[in-house]
Amino acid sequence: MEKADEELVARWIDQDPELKRHIDEHREFERQLEEFNRRPYLTADETVERRRIQKLKLAGRDRIEQILARYRAKEQSA
């Protein structure tokens, strides 16, 4: 995440429950993926689960970007 995005998140996370939820989920998905990445090999089920988490993380990141775009627009119009 870029520094400007991190600053925006820091400004709005306490005021926007949806943003907070997506950020928390994103961090949890990142933690889970790091756990999978530390393993020397994955079972077929673990590989499927890892891909599922990657997709959820990406979808959450897209939603975070949409929320941040809304705040960027709001700040530019102010």
PDB file of N, CA and C in Angstrom:
ATOM      1  N   MET A   1       0.854  -1.175   0.000  1.00  0.00           N
ATOM      2  CA  MET A   1       0.000   0.000   0.000  1.00  0.00           C
ATOM      3  C   MET A   1       0.898   1.235   0.000  1.00  0.00           C
ATOM      4  N   GLU A   2       0.534   2.194  -0.818  1.00  0.00           N
ATOM      5  CA  GLU A   2       1.315   3.422  -0.913  1.00  0.00           C
ATOM      6  C   GLU A   2       1.151   4.262   0.350  1.00  0.00           C
ATOM      7  N   LYS A   3       2.124   5.119   0.590  1.00  0.00           N
ATOM      8  CA  LYS A   3       2.114   5.957   1.793  1.00  0.00           C
ATOM      9  C   LYS A   3       0.856   6.828   1.851  1.00  0.00           C
ATOM     10  N   ALA A   4       0.451   7.387   0.717  1.00  0.00           N
ATOM     11  CA  ALA A   4      -0.744   8.233   0.687  1.00  0.00           C
ATOM     12  C   ALA A   4      -1.982   7.420   1.070  1.00  0.00           C
ATOM     13  N   ASP A   5      -2.054   6.164   0.605  1.00  0.00           N
ATOM     14  CA  ASP A   5      -3.183   5.302   0.952  1.00  0.00           C
ATOM     15  C   ASP A   5      -3.156   4.957   2.435  1.00  0.00           C
ATOM     16  N   GLU A   6      -1.972   4.687   2.953  1.00  0.00           N
ATOM     17  CA  GLU A   6      -1.849   4.379   4.377  1.00  0.00           C
ATOM     18  C   GLU A   6      -2.325   5.552   5.228  1.00  0.00           C
ATOM     19  N   GLU A   7      -1.985   6.761   4.790  1.00  0.00           N
ATOM     20  CA  GLU A   7      -2.417   7.956   5.520  1.00  0.00           C
ATOM     21  C   GLU A   7      -3.931   8.105   5.460  1.00  0.00           C
ATOM     22  N   LEU A   8      -4.514   7.833   4.304  1.00  0.00           N
ATOM     23  CA  LEU A   8      -5.964   7.913   4.160  1.00  0.00           C
ATOM     24  C   LEU A   8      -6.643   6.886   5.064  1.00  0.00           C
ATOM     25  N   VAL A   9      -6.123   5.677   5.070  1.00  0.00           N
ATOM     26  CA  VAL A   9      -6.674   4.624   5.928  1.00  0.00           C
ATOM     27  C   VAL A   9      -6.586   5.064   7.384  1.00  0.00           C
ATOM     28  N   ALA A  10      -5.440   5.584   7.784  1.00  0.00           N
ATOM     29  CA  ALA A  10      -5.257   6.017   9.172  1.00  0.00           C
ATOM     30  C   ALA A  10      -6.268   7.100   9.550  1.00  0.00           C
ATOM     31  N   ARG A  11      -6.566   7.994   8.605  1.00  0.00           N
ATOM     32  CA  ARG A  11      -7.525   9.074   8.880  1.00  0.00           C
ATOM     33  C   ARG A  11      -8.956   8.576   9.002  1.00  0.00           C
ATOM     34  N   TRP A  12      -9.325   7.567   8.225  1.00  0.00           N
ATOM     35  CA  TRP A  12     -10.740   7.192   8.126  1.00  0.00           C
ATOM     36  C   TRP A  12     -11.113   5.871   8.799  1.00  0.00           C
ATOM     37  N   ILE A  13     -10.157   5.061   9.192  1.00  0.00           N
ATOM     38  CA  ILE A  13     -10.471   3.718   9.680  1.00  0.00           C
ATOM     39  C   ILE A  13     -11.360   3.725  10.927  1.00  0.00           C
ATOM     40  N   ASP A  14     -11.165   4.700  11.801  1.00  0.00           N
ATOM     41  CA  ASP A  14     -11.981   4.755  13.020  1.00  0.00           C
ATOM     42  C   ASP A  14     -13.384   5.287  12.762  1.00  0.00           C
ATOM     43  N   GLN A  15     -13.572   5.944  11.629  1.00  0.00           N
ATOM     44  CA  GLN A  15     -14.872   6.545  11.317  1.00  0.00           C
ATOM     45  C   GLN A  15     -15.681   5.728  10.327  1.00  0.00           C
ATOM     46  N   ASP A  16     -15.056   4.761   9.674  1.00  0.00           N
ATOM     47  CA  ASP A  16     -15.734   3.992   8.634  1.00  0.00           C
ATOM     48  C   ASP A  16     -15.662   2.496   8.957  1.00  0.00           C
ATOM     49  N   PRO A  17     -16.749   1.935   9.498  1.00  0.00           N
ATOM     50  CA  PRO A  17     -16.737   0.521   9.890  1.00  0.00           C
ATOM     51  C   PRO A  17     -16.491  -0.430   8.712  1.00  0.00           C
ATOM     52  N   GLU A  18     -16.974  -0.069   7.531  1.00  0.00           N
ATOM     53  CA  GLU A  18     -16.758  -0.934   6.367  1.00  0.00           C
ATOM     54  C   GLU A  18     -15.274  -0.968   6.008  1.00  0.00           C
ATOM     55  N   LEU A  19     -14.631   0.179   6.009  1.00  0.00           N
ATOM     56  CA  LEU A  19     -13.197   0.244   5.723  1.00  0.00           C
ATOM     57  C   LEU A  19     -12.426  -0.561   6.761  1.00  0.00           C
ATOM     58  N   LYS A  20     -12.760  -0.388   8.020  1.00  0.00           N
ATOM     59  CA  LYS A  20     -12.087  -1.123   9.091  1.00  0.00           C
ATOM     60  C   LYS A  20     -12.245  -2.625   8.911  1.00  0.00           C
ATOM     61  N   ARG A  21     -13.447  -3.069   8.573  1.00  0.00           N
ATOM     62  CA  ARG A  21     -13.704  -4.499   8.388  1.00  0.00           C
ATOM     63  C   ARG A  21     -12.851  -5.058   7.253  1.00  0.00           C
ATOM     64  N   HIS A  22     -12.805  -4.333   6.134  1.00  0.00           N
ATOM     65  CA  HIS A  22     -12.026  -4.805   4.991  1.00  0.00           C
ATOM     66  C   HIS A  22     -10.519  -4.792   5.283  1.00  0.00           C
ATOM     67  N   ILE A  23     -10.046  -3.791   5.986  1.00  0.00           N
ATOM     68  CA  ILE A  23      -8.626  -3.728   6.355  1.00  0.00           C
ATOM     69  C   ILE A  23      -8.293  -4.886   7.292  1.00  0.00           C
ATOM     70  N   ASP A  24      -9.142  -5.127   8.289  1.00  0.00           N
ATOM     71  CA  ASP A  24      -8.901  -6.235   9.225  1.00  0.00           C
ATOM     72  C   ASP A  24      -8.904  -7.573   8.502  1.00  0.00           C
ATOM     73  N   GLU A  25      -9.862  -7.770   7.591  1.00  0.00           N
ATOM     74  CA  GLU A  25      -9.914  -9.008   6.814  1.00  0.00           C
ATOM     75  C   GLU A  25      -8.663  -9.154   5.953  1.00  0.00           C
ATOM     76  N   HIS A  26      -8.249  -8.058   5.325  1.00  0.00           N
ATOM     77  CA  HIS A  26      -7.069  -8.073   4.467  1.00  0.00           C
ATOM     78  C   HIS A  26      -5.833  -8.511   5.265  1.00  0.00           C
ATOM     79  N   ARG A  27      -5.683  -7.972   6.457  1.00  0.00           N
ATOM     80  CA  ARG A  27      -4.544  -8.327   7.315  1.00  0.00           C
ATOM     81  C   ARG A  27      -4.609  -9.799   7.727  1.00  0.00           C
ATOM     82  N   GLU A  28      -5.809 -10.285   8.034  1.00  0.00           N
ATOM     83  CA  GLU A  28      -5.969 -11.683   8.415  1.00  0.00           C
ATOM     84  C   GLU A  28      -5.657 -12.602   7.234  1.00  0.00           C
ATOM     85  N   PHE A  29      -6.130 -12.250   6.039  1.00  0.00           N
ATOM     86  CA  PHE A  29      -5.817 -13.055   4.859  1.00  0.00           C
ATOM     87  C   PHE A  29      -4.308 -13.061   4.609  1.00  0.00           C
ATOM     88  N   GLU A  30      -3.671 -11.919   4.784  1.00  0.00           N
ATOM     89  CA  GLU A  30      -2.218 -11.832   4.613  1.00  0.00           C
ATOM     90  C   GLU A  30      -1.512 -12.755   5.607  1.00  0.00           C
ATOM     91  N   ARG A  31      -1.961 -12.765   6.842  1.00  0.00           N
ATOM     92  CA  ARG A  31      -1.369 -13.632   7.862  1.00  0.00           C
ATOM     93  C   ARG A  31      -1.526 -15.104   7.471  1.00  0.00           C
ATOM     94  N   GLN A  32      -2.722 -15.469   7.008  1.00  0.00           N
ATOM     95  CA  GLN A  32      -2.969 -16.850   6.618  1.00  0.00           C
ATOM     96  C   GLN A  32      -2.102 -17.251   5.421  1.00  0.00           C
ATOM     97  N   LEU A  33      -1.968 -16.360   4.458  1.00  0.00           N
ATOM     98  CA  LEU A  33      -1.133 -16.658   3.290  1.00  0.00           C
ATOM     99  C   LEU A  33       0.335 -16.804   3.679  1.00  0.00           C
ATOM    100  N   GLU A  34       0.798 -15.973   4.600  1.00  0.00           N
ATOM    101  CA  GLU A  34       2.176 -16.096   5.070  1.00  0.00           C
ATOM    102  C   GLU A  34       2.388 -17.451   5.727  1.00  0.00           C
ATOM    103  N   GLU A  35       1.396 -17.918   6.454  1.00  0.00           N
ATOM    104  CA  GLU A  35       1.489 -19.237   7.086  1.00  0.00           C
ATOM    105  C   GLU A  35       1.615 -20.333   6.023  1.00  0.00           C
ATOM    106  N   PHE A  36       0.791 -20.252   4.991  1.00  0.00           N
ATOM    107  CA  PHE A  36       0.891 -21.227   3.899  1.00  0.00           C
ATOM    108  C   PHE A  36       2.262 -21.139   3.224  1.00  0.00           C
ATOM    109  N   ASN A  37       2.767 -19.934   3.021  1.00  0.00           N
ATOM    110  CA  ASN A  37       4.039 -19.739   2.328  1.00  0.00           C
ATOM    111  C   ASN A  37       5.233 -20.266   3.112  1.00  0.00           C
ATOM    112  N   ARG A  38       5.111 -20.385   4.412  1.00  0.00           N
ATOM    113  CA  ARG A  38       6.208 -20.912   5.233  1.00  0.00           C
ATOM    114  C   ARG A  38       6.320 -22.435   5.137  1.00  0.00           C
ATOM    115  N   ARG A  39       5.277 -23.073   4.690  1.00  0.00           N
ATOM    116  CA  ARG A  39       5.288 -24.539   4.616  1.00  0.00           C
ATOM    117  C   ARG A  39       6.091 -24.999   3.398  1.00  0.00           C
ATOM    118  N   PRO A  40       6.834 -26.088   3.565  1.00  0.00           N
ATOM    119  CA  PRO A  40       7.625 -26.585   2.425  1.00  0.00           C
ATOM    120  C   PRO A  40       6.761 -27.151   1.304  1.00  0.00           C
ATOM    121  N   TYR A  41       5.597 -27.677   1.642  1.00  0.00           N
ATOM    122  CA  TYR A  41       4.667 -28.175   0.629  1.00  0.00           C
ATOM    123  C   TYR A  41       3.244 -28.052   1.154  1.00  0.00           C
ATOM    124  N   LEU A  42       2.289 -28.066   0.236  1.00  0.00           N
ATOM    125  CA  LEU A  42       0.878 -27.960   0.600  1.00  0.00           C
ATOM    126  C   LEU A  42       0.135 -29.170   0.059  1.00  0.00           C
ATOM    127  N   THR A  43      -0.851 -29.616   0.821  1.00  0.00           N
ATOM    128  CA  THR A  43      -1.723 -30.675   0.316  1.00  0.00           C
ATOM    129  C   THR A  43      -2.635 -30.062  -0.748  1.00  0.00           C
ATOM    130  N   ALA A  44      -3.351 -30.916  -1.438  1.00  0.00           N
ATOM    131  CA  ALA A  44      -4.284 -30.421  -2.460  1.00  0.00           C
ATOM    132  C   ALA A  44      -5.330 -29.510  -1.826  1.00  0.00           C
ATOM    133  N   ASP A  45      -5.852 -29.897  -0.669  1.00  0.00           N
ATOM    134  CA  ASP A  45      -6.847 -29.067   0.022  1.00  0.00           C
ATOM    135  C   ASP A  45      -6.264 -27.729   0.457  1.00  0.00           C
ATOM    136  N   GLU A  46      -5.020 -27.753   0.926  1.00  0.00           N
ATOM    137  CA  GLU A  46      -4.375 -26.511   1.341  1.00  0.00           C
ATOM    138  C   GLU A  46      -4.127 -25.595   0.146  1.00  0.00           C
ATOM    139  N   THR A  47      -3.800 -26.175  -0.985  1.00  0.00           N
ATOM    140  CA  THR A  47      -3.592 -25.384  -2.201  1.00  0.00           C
ATOM    141  C   THR A  47      -4.892 -24.709  -2.623  1.00  0.00           C
ATOM    142  N   VAL A  48      -5.990 -25.450  -2.553  1.00  0.00           N
ATOM    143  CA  VAL A  48      -7.305 -24.882  -2.881  1.00  0.00           C
ATOM    144  C   VAL A  48      -7.642 -23.757  -1.902  1.00  0.00           C
ATOM    145  N   GLU A  49      -7.397 -23.991  -0.625  1.00  0.00           N
ATOM    146  CA  GLU A  49      -7.693 -22.975   0.396  1.00  0.00           C
ATOM    147  C   GLU A  49      -6.817 -21.744   0.202  1.00  0.00           C
ATOM    148  N   ARG A  50      -5.557 -21.936  -0.136  1.00  0.00           N
ATOM    149  CA  ARG A  50      -4.657 -20.811  -0.375  1.00  0.00           C
ATOM    150  C   ARG A  50      -5.164 -19.959  -1.537  1.00  0.00           C
ATOM    151  N   ARG A  51      -5.595 -20.610  -2.599  1.00  0.00           N
ATOM    152  CA  ARG A  51      -6.145 -19.856  -3.750  1.00  0.00           C
ATOM    153  C   ARG A  51      -7.421 -19.118  -3.366  1.00  0.00           C
ATOM    154  N   ARG A  52      -8.260 -19.760  -2.567  1.00  0.00           N
ATOM    155  CA  ARG A  52      -9.502 -19.125  -2.130  1.00  0.00           C
ATOM    156  C   ARG A  52      -9.192 -17.860  -1.322  1.00  0.00           C
ATOM    157  N   ILE A  53      -8.237 -17.971  -0.414  1.00  0.00           N
ATOM    158  CA  ILE A  53      -7.841 -16.819   0.403  1.00  0.00           C
ATOM    159  C   ILE A  53      -7.253 -15.715  -0.471  1.00  0.00           C
ATOM    160  N   GLN A  54      -6.441 -16.089  -1.454  1.00  0.00           N
ATOM    161  CA  GLN A  54      -5.874 -15.089  -2.362  1.00  0.00           C
ATOM    162  C   GLN A  54      -6.973 -14.317  -3.086  1.00  0.00           C
ATOM    163  N   LYS A  55      -7.998 -15.025  -3.543  1.00  0.00           N
ATOM    164  CA  LYS A  55      -9.110 -14.372  -4.244  1.00  0.00           C
ATOM    165  C   LYS A  55      -9.890 -13.458  -3.314  1.00  0.00           C
ATOM    166  N   LEU A  56     -10.132 -13.919  -2.079  1.00  0.00           N
ATOM    167  CA  LEU A  56     -10.842 -13.082  -1.107  1.00  0.00           C
ATOM    168  C   LEU A  56     -10.032 -11.835  -0.770  1.00  0.00           C
ATOM    169  N   LYS A  57      -8.721 -12.013  -0.621  1.00  0.00           N
ATOM    170  CA  LYS A  57      -7.847 -10.881  -0.315  1.00  0.00           C
ATOM    171  C   LYS A  57      -7.881  -9.865  -1.454  1.00  0.00           C
ATOM    172  N   LEU A  58      -7.810 -10.350  -2.684  1.00  0.00           N
ATOM    173  CA  LEU A  58      -7.848  -9.465  -3.851  1.00  0.00           C
ATOM    174  C   LEU A  58      -9.184  -8.731  -3.949  1.00  0.00           C
ATOM    175  N   ALA A  59     -10.276  -9.437  -3.722  1.00  0.00           N
ATOM    176  CA  ALA A  59     -11.597  -8.795  -3.762  1.00  0.00           C
ATOM    177  C   ALA A  59     -11.707  -7.739  -2.670  1.00  0.00           C
ATOM    178  N   GLY A  60     -11.183  -8.045  -1.497  1.00  0.00           N
ATOM    179  CA  GLY A  60     -11.192  -7.079  -0.396  1.00  0.00           C
ATOM    180  C   GLY A  60     -10.342  -5.868  -0.724  1.00  0.00           C
ATOM    181  N   ARG A  61      -9.209  -6.099  -1.352  1.00  0.00           N
ATOM    182  CA  ARG A  61      -8.328  -4.994  -1.742  1.00  0.00           C
ATOM    183  C   ARG A  61      -9.023  -4.086  -2.758  1.00  0.00           C
ATOM    184  N   ASP A  62      -9.753  -4.695  -3.681  1.00  0.00           N
ATOM    185  CA  ASP A  62     -10.519  -3.900  -4.646  1.00  0.00           C
ATOM    186  C   ASP A  62     -11.539  -3.026  -3.936  1.00  0.00           C
ATOM    187  N   ARG A  63     -12.209  -3.590  -2.946  1.00  0.00           N
ATOM    188  CA  ARG A  63     -13.217  -2.822  -2.203  1.00  0.00           C
ATOM    189  C   ARG A  63     -12.556  -1.699  -1.403  1.00  0.00           C
ATOM    190  N   ILE A  64     -11.400  -1.980  -0.808  1.00  0.00           N
ATOM    191  CA  ILE A  64     -10.661  -0.942  -0.080  1.00  0.00           C
ATOM    192  C   ILE A  64     -10.313   0.193  -1.038  1.00  0.00           C
ATOM    193  N   GLU A  65      -9.862  -0.142  -2.228  1.00  0.00           N
ATOM    194  CA  GLU A  65      -9.515   0.877  -3.220  1.00  0.00           C
ATOM    195  C   GLU A  65     -10.732   1.726  -3.596  1.00  0.00           C
ATOM    196  N   GLN A  66     -11.890   1.100  -3.716  1.00  0.00           N
ATOM    197  CA  GLN A  66     -13.112   1.851  -4.025  1.00  0.00           C
ATOM    198  C   GLN A  66     -13.442   2.832  -2.897  1.00  0.00           C
ATOM    199  N   ILE A  67     -13.314   2.376  -1.674  1.00  0.00           N
ATOM    200  CA  ILE A  67     -13.601   3.247  -0.526  1.00  0.00           C
ATOM    201  C   ILE A  67     -12.605   4.398  -0.483  1.00  0.00           C
ATOM    202  N   LEU A  68     -11.328   4.091  -0.672  1.00  0.00           N
ATOM    203  CA  LEU A  68     -10.308   5.142  -0.643  1.00  0.00           C
ATOM    204  C   LEU A  68     -10.495   6.136  -1.786  1.00  0.00           C
ATOM    205  N   ALA A  69     -10.931   5.662  -2.945  1.00  0.00           N
ATOM    206  CA  ALA A  69     -11.190   6.561  -4.070  1.00  0.00           C
ATOM    207  C   ALA A  69     -12.293   7.557  -3.713  1.00  0.00           C
ATOM    208  N   ARG A  70     -13.288   7.081  -2.998  1.00  0.00           N
ATOM    209  CA  ARG A  70     -14.376   7.955  -2.556  1.00  0.00           C
ATOM    210  C   ARG A  70     -13.832   9.044  -1.631  1.00  0.00           C
ATOM    211  N   TYR A  71     -12.948   8.665  -0.705  1.00  0.00           N
ATOM    212  CA  TYR A  71     -12.363   9.650   0.211  1.00  0.00           C
ATOM    213  C   TYR A  71     -11.407  10.610  -0.510  1.00  0.00           C
ATOM    214  N   ARG A  72     -10.660  10.092  -1.493  1.00  0.00           N
ATOM    215  CA  ARG A  72      -9.784  10.974  -2.275  1.00  0.00           C
ATOM    216  C   ARG A  72     -10.603  12.034  -2.993  1.00  0.00           C
ATOM    217  N   ALA A  73     -11.708  11.612  -3.600  1.00  0.00           N
ATOM    218  CA  ALA A  73     -12.582  12.544  -4.317  1.00  0.00           C
ATOM    219  C   ALA A  73     -13.159  13.578  -3.349  1.00  0.00           C
ATOM    220  N   LYS A  74     -13.545  13.121  -2.185  1.00  0.00           N
ATOM    221  CA  LYS A  74     -14.109  14.026  -1.182  1.00  0.00           C
ATOM    222  C   LYS A  74     -13.081  15.066  -0.758  1.00  0.00           C
ATOM    223  N   GLU A  75     -11.841  14.632  -0.557  1.00  0.00           N
ATOM    224  CA  GLU A  75     -10.787  15.567  -0.124  1.00  0.00           C
ATOM    225  C   GLU A  75     -10.404  16.546  -1.226  1.00  0.00           C
ATOM    226  N   GLN A  76     -10.447  16.099  -2.484  1.00  0.00           N
ATOM    227  CA  GLN A  76     -10.091  16.995  -3.589  1.00  0.00           C
ATOM    228  C   GLN A  76     -11.173  18.042  -3.842  1.00  0.00           C
ATOM    229  N   SER A  77     -12.419  17.694  -3.540  1.00  0.00           N
ATOM    230  CA  SER A  77     -13.496  18.646  -3.771  1.00  0.00           C
ATOM    231  C   SER A  77     -13.649  19.623  -2.626  1.00  0.00           C
ATOM    232  N   ALA A  78     -12.986  19.339  -1.521  1.00  0.00           N
ATOM    233  CA  ALA A  78     -13.109  20.220  -0.340  1.00  0.00           C
ATOM    234  C   ALA A  78     -12.208  21.431  -0.452  1.00  0.00           C
TER     235      ALA A  78
END
